[in-house]
Every structure is written in structure tokens, then in C-alpha cells.
C-alpha atoms as a PDB file:
ATOM      1  CA  UNK A   1     -23.743 -38.966 -92.664  1.00  0.00           C
ATOM      2  CA  UNK A   2     -26.023 -41.941 -93.151  1.00  0.00           C
ATOM      3  CA  UNK A   3     -24.585 -43.555 -90.024  1.00  0.00           C
ATOM      4  CA  UNK A   4     -25.252 -40.372 -88.042  1.00  0.00           C
ATOM      5  CA  UNK A   5     -28.881 -40.251 -89.189  1.00  0.00           C
ATOM      6  CA  UNK A   6     -29.384 -43.909 -88.328  1.00  0.00           C
ATOM      7  CA  UNK A   7     -27.830 -43.320 -84.908  1.00  0.00           C
ATOM      8  CA  UNK A   8     -30.141 -40.341 -84.256  1.00  0.00           C
ATOM      9  CA  UNK A   9     -33.169 -42.317 -85.447  1.00  0.00           C
ATOM     10  CA  UNK A  10     -32.273 -45.224 -83.138  1.00  0.00           C
ATOM     11  CA  UNK A  11     -31.849 -42.876 -80.169  1.00  0.00           C
ATOM     12  CA  UNK A  12     -35.173 -41.177 -80.899  1.00  0.00           C
ATOM     13  CA  UNK A  13     -37.000 -44.512 -81.125  1.00  0.00           C
ATOM     14  CA  UNK A  14     -35.357 -45.712 -77.906  1.00  0.00           C
ATOM     15  CA  UNK A  15     -36.398 -42.617 -75.925  1.00  0.00           C
ATOM     16  CA  UNK A  16     -39.006 -43.886 -73.502  1.00  0.00           C
ATOM     17  CA  UNK A  17     -40.038 -43.254 -69.931  1.00  0.00           C
ATOM     18  CA  UNK A  18     -41.778 -45.549 -67.454  1.00  0.00           C
ATOM     19  CA  UNK A  19     -44.555 -42.950 -67.002  1.00  0.00           C
ATOM     20  CA  UNK A  20     -45.243 -42.434 -70.716  1.00  0.00           C
ATOM     21  CA  UNK A  21     -48.678 -44.058 -70.577  1.00  0.00           C
ATOM     22  CA  UNK A  22     -49.784 -41.752 -67.758  1.00  0.00           C
ATOM     23  CA  UNK A  23     -48.493 -38.506 -69.240  1.00  0.00           C
ATOM     24  CA  UNK A  24     -50.230 -36.604 -72.053  1.00  0.00           C
ATOM     25  CA  UNK A  25     -46.860 -35.866 -73.723  1.00  0.00           C
ATOM     26  CA  UNK A  26     -43.992 -38.320 -73.981  1.00  0.00           C
ATOM     27  CA  UNK A  27     -40.256 -37.743 -74.146  1.00  0.00           C
ATOM     28  CA  UNK A  28     -40.462 -37.979 -77.938  1.00  0.00           C
ATOM     29  CA  UNK A  29     -43.019 -35.161 -77.984  1.00  0.00           C
ATOM     30  CA  UNK A  30     -40.670 -32.955 -75.990  1.00  0.00           C
ATOM     31  CA  UNK A  31     -37.810 -33.705 -78.373  1.00  0.00           C
ATOM     32  CA  UNK A  32     -40.012 -32.709 -81.321  1.00  0.00           C
ATOM     33  CA  UNK A  33     -41.130 -29.540 -79.506  1.00  0.00           C
ATOM     34  CA  UNK A  34     -37.503 -28.532 -78.940  1.00  0.00           C
ATOM     35  CA  UNK A  35     -36.721 -29.202 -82.620  1.00  0.00           C
ATOM     36  CA  UNK A  36     -39.640 -26.984 -83.694  1.00  0.00           C
ATOM     37  CA  UNK A  37     -38.473 -24.250 -81.338  1.00  0.00           C
ATOM     38  CA  UNK A  38     -34.993 -24.388 -82.868  1.00  0.00           C
ATOM     39  CA  UNK A  39     -36.480 -23.991 -86.381  1.00  0.00           C
ATOM     40  CA  UNK A  40     -38.499 -20.958 -85.212  1.00  0.00           C
ATOM     41  CA  UNK A  41     -35.411 -19.476 -83.582  1.00  0.00           C
ATOM     42  CA  UNK A  42     -33.371 -19.936 -86.787  1.00  0.00           C
ATOM     43  CA  UNK A  43     -36.131 -18.149 -88.729  1.00  0.00           C
ATOM     44  CA  UNK A  44     -36.082 -15.240 -86.281  1.00  0.00           C
ATOM     45  CA  UNK A  45     -32.296 -14.937 -86.499  1.00  0.00           C
ATOM     46  CA  UNK A  46     -32.448 -14.955 -90.320  1.00  0.00           C
ATOM     47  CA  UNK A  47     -34.993 -12.129 -90.212  1.00  0.00           C
ATOM     48  CA  UNK A  48     -32.817  -9.765 -88.169  1.00  0.00           C
ATOM     49  CA  UNK A  49     -30.610  -7.008 -89.539  1.00  0.00           C
ATOM     50  CA  UNK A  50     -30.799  -4.981 -92.703  1.00  0.00           C
ATOM     51  CA  UNK A  51     -31.299  -1.658 -90.989  1.00  0.00           C
ATOM     52  CA  UNK A  52     -29.253   1.439 -91.587  1.00  0.00           C
ATOM     53  CA  UNK A  53     -27.160   3.252 -89.002  1.00  0.00           C
ATOM     54  CA  UNK A  54     -28.004   6.570 -90.604  1.00  0.00           C
ATOM     55  CA  UNK A  55     -31.765   7.366 -90.709  1.00  0.00           C
ATOM     56  CA  UNK A  56     -31.174   9.574 -93.768  1.00  0.00           C
ATOM     57  CA  UNK A  57     -29.929   6.628 -95.885  1.00  0.00           C
ATOM     58  CA  UNK A  58     -32.306   3.903 -97.045  1.00  0.00           C
ATOM     59  CA  UNK A  59     -30.833   0.399 -97.078  1.00  0.00           C
ATOM     60  CA  UNK A  60     -32.349  -2.011 -99.601  1.00  0.00           C
ATOM     61  CA  UNK A  61     -30.725  -4.953 -97.798  1.00  0.00           C
ATOM     62  CA  UNK A  62     -33.832  -5.168 -95.620  1.00  0.00           C
ATOM     63  CA  UNK A  63     -35.715  -6.549 -98.637  1.00  0.00           C
ATOM     64  CA  UNK A  64     -33.366  -9.472 -99.260  1.00  0.00           C
ATOM     65  CA  UNK A  65     -34.728 -12.897-100.185  1.00  0.00           C
ATOM     66  CA  UNK A  66     -33.563 -14.271 -96.847  1.00  0.00           C
ATOM     67  CA  UNK A  67     -35.621 -11.799 -94.815  1.00  0.00           C
ATOM     68  CA  UNK A  68     -38.716 -11.640 -97.011  1.00  0.00           C
ATOM     69  CA  UNK A  69     -39.103 -15.297 -98.054  1.00  0.00           C
ATOM     70  CA  UNK A  70     -36.897 -17.805 -96.251  1.00  0.00           C
ATOM     71  CA  UNK A  71     -37.290 -16.576 -92.663  1.00  0.00           C
ATOM     72  CA  UNK A  72     -41.121 -16.423 -92.677  1.00  0.00           C
ATOM     73  CA  UNK A  73     -41.310 -19.878 -94.273  1.00  0.00           C
ATOM     74  CA  UNK A  74     -39.090 -21.276 -91.518  1.00  0.00           C
ATOM     75  CA  UNK A  75     -41.128 -19.572 -88.799  1.00  0.00           C
ATOM     76  CA  UNK A  76     -44.498 -20.766 -90.115  1.00  0.00           C
ATOM     77  CA  UNK A  77     -43.054 -24.236 -90.732  1.00  0.00           C
ATOM     78  CA  UNK A  78     -41.695 -24.308 -87.186  1.00  0.00           C
ATOM     79  CA  UNK A  79     -45.098 -23.420 -85.747  1.00  0.00           C
ATOM     80  CA  UNK A  80     -46.767 -26.094 -87.902  1.00  0.00           C
ATOM     81  CA  UNK A  81     -44.190 -28.594 -86.655  1.00  0.00           C
ATOM     82  CA  UNK A  82     -44.942 -27.507 -83.064  1.00  0.00           C
ATOM     83  CA  UNK A  83     -48.629 -28.281 -83.609  1.00  0.00           C
ATOM     84  CA  UNK A  84     -47.699 -31.686 -84.988  1.00  0.00           C
ATOM     85  CA  UNK A  85     -45.359 -32.322 -82.032  1.00  0.00           C
ATOM     86  CA  UNK A  86     -48.126 -31.506 -79.565  1.00  0.00           C
ATOM     87  CA  UNK A  87     -50.799 -33.592 -81.263  1.00  0.00           C
ATOM     88  CA  UNK A  88     -48.726 -36.652 -82.186  1.00  0.00           C
ATOM     89  CA  UNK A  89     -49.396 -39.602 -79.912  1.00  0.00           C
ATOM     90  CA  UNK A  90     -46.592 -42.135 -79.669  1.00  0.00           C
END
């Protein structure tokens, strides 16, 4: 696992483009933006479900910890990470 993280870190640090100085966002920024989007998407997927097929029956599963706490934290954290990814200058 440690080797994998070091390999990913080395690839991220090596990601450059010859036009980086001319562009407002670099390749690294785009990688961070995609990572933030994935976190937001995971939060949205965790928030789905919990409904009932029968409108006469109330399903308490919609108030699970995953939907009420974890998913919104991931979504807000993903948006905060997106702001960081856009503002970070490499």
C-alpha cells in the first residue's frame, strides 16, 4: 500500500505540460478537480435510496446515519476540495 501511494505521489508530481506557465490551470489542477468530483459523486450515491415502494408504509431507513450525516459531509467536503483545486497554483 505504501508503495502504491508513493507511486501515485511520484506520478502526480511528474504531471507537467509545456504550456503550464501560460494556462491558468495546470494538469495537476485538473487531476484535483476530477478527484473532488469523484468525492461529490460518492456522496450523492450514498444519499440515494431509503424510499418505500408502498406510499402507505413509512420507511425509517431514509433517516440512516449514512444518508443524514456521511453523505452531506462528503458532498460539502468535495465542494471545498473543488475550491482548493481551482485556487491552488502549482
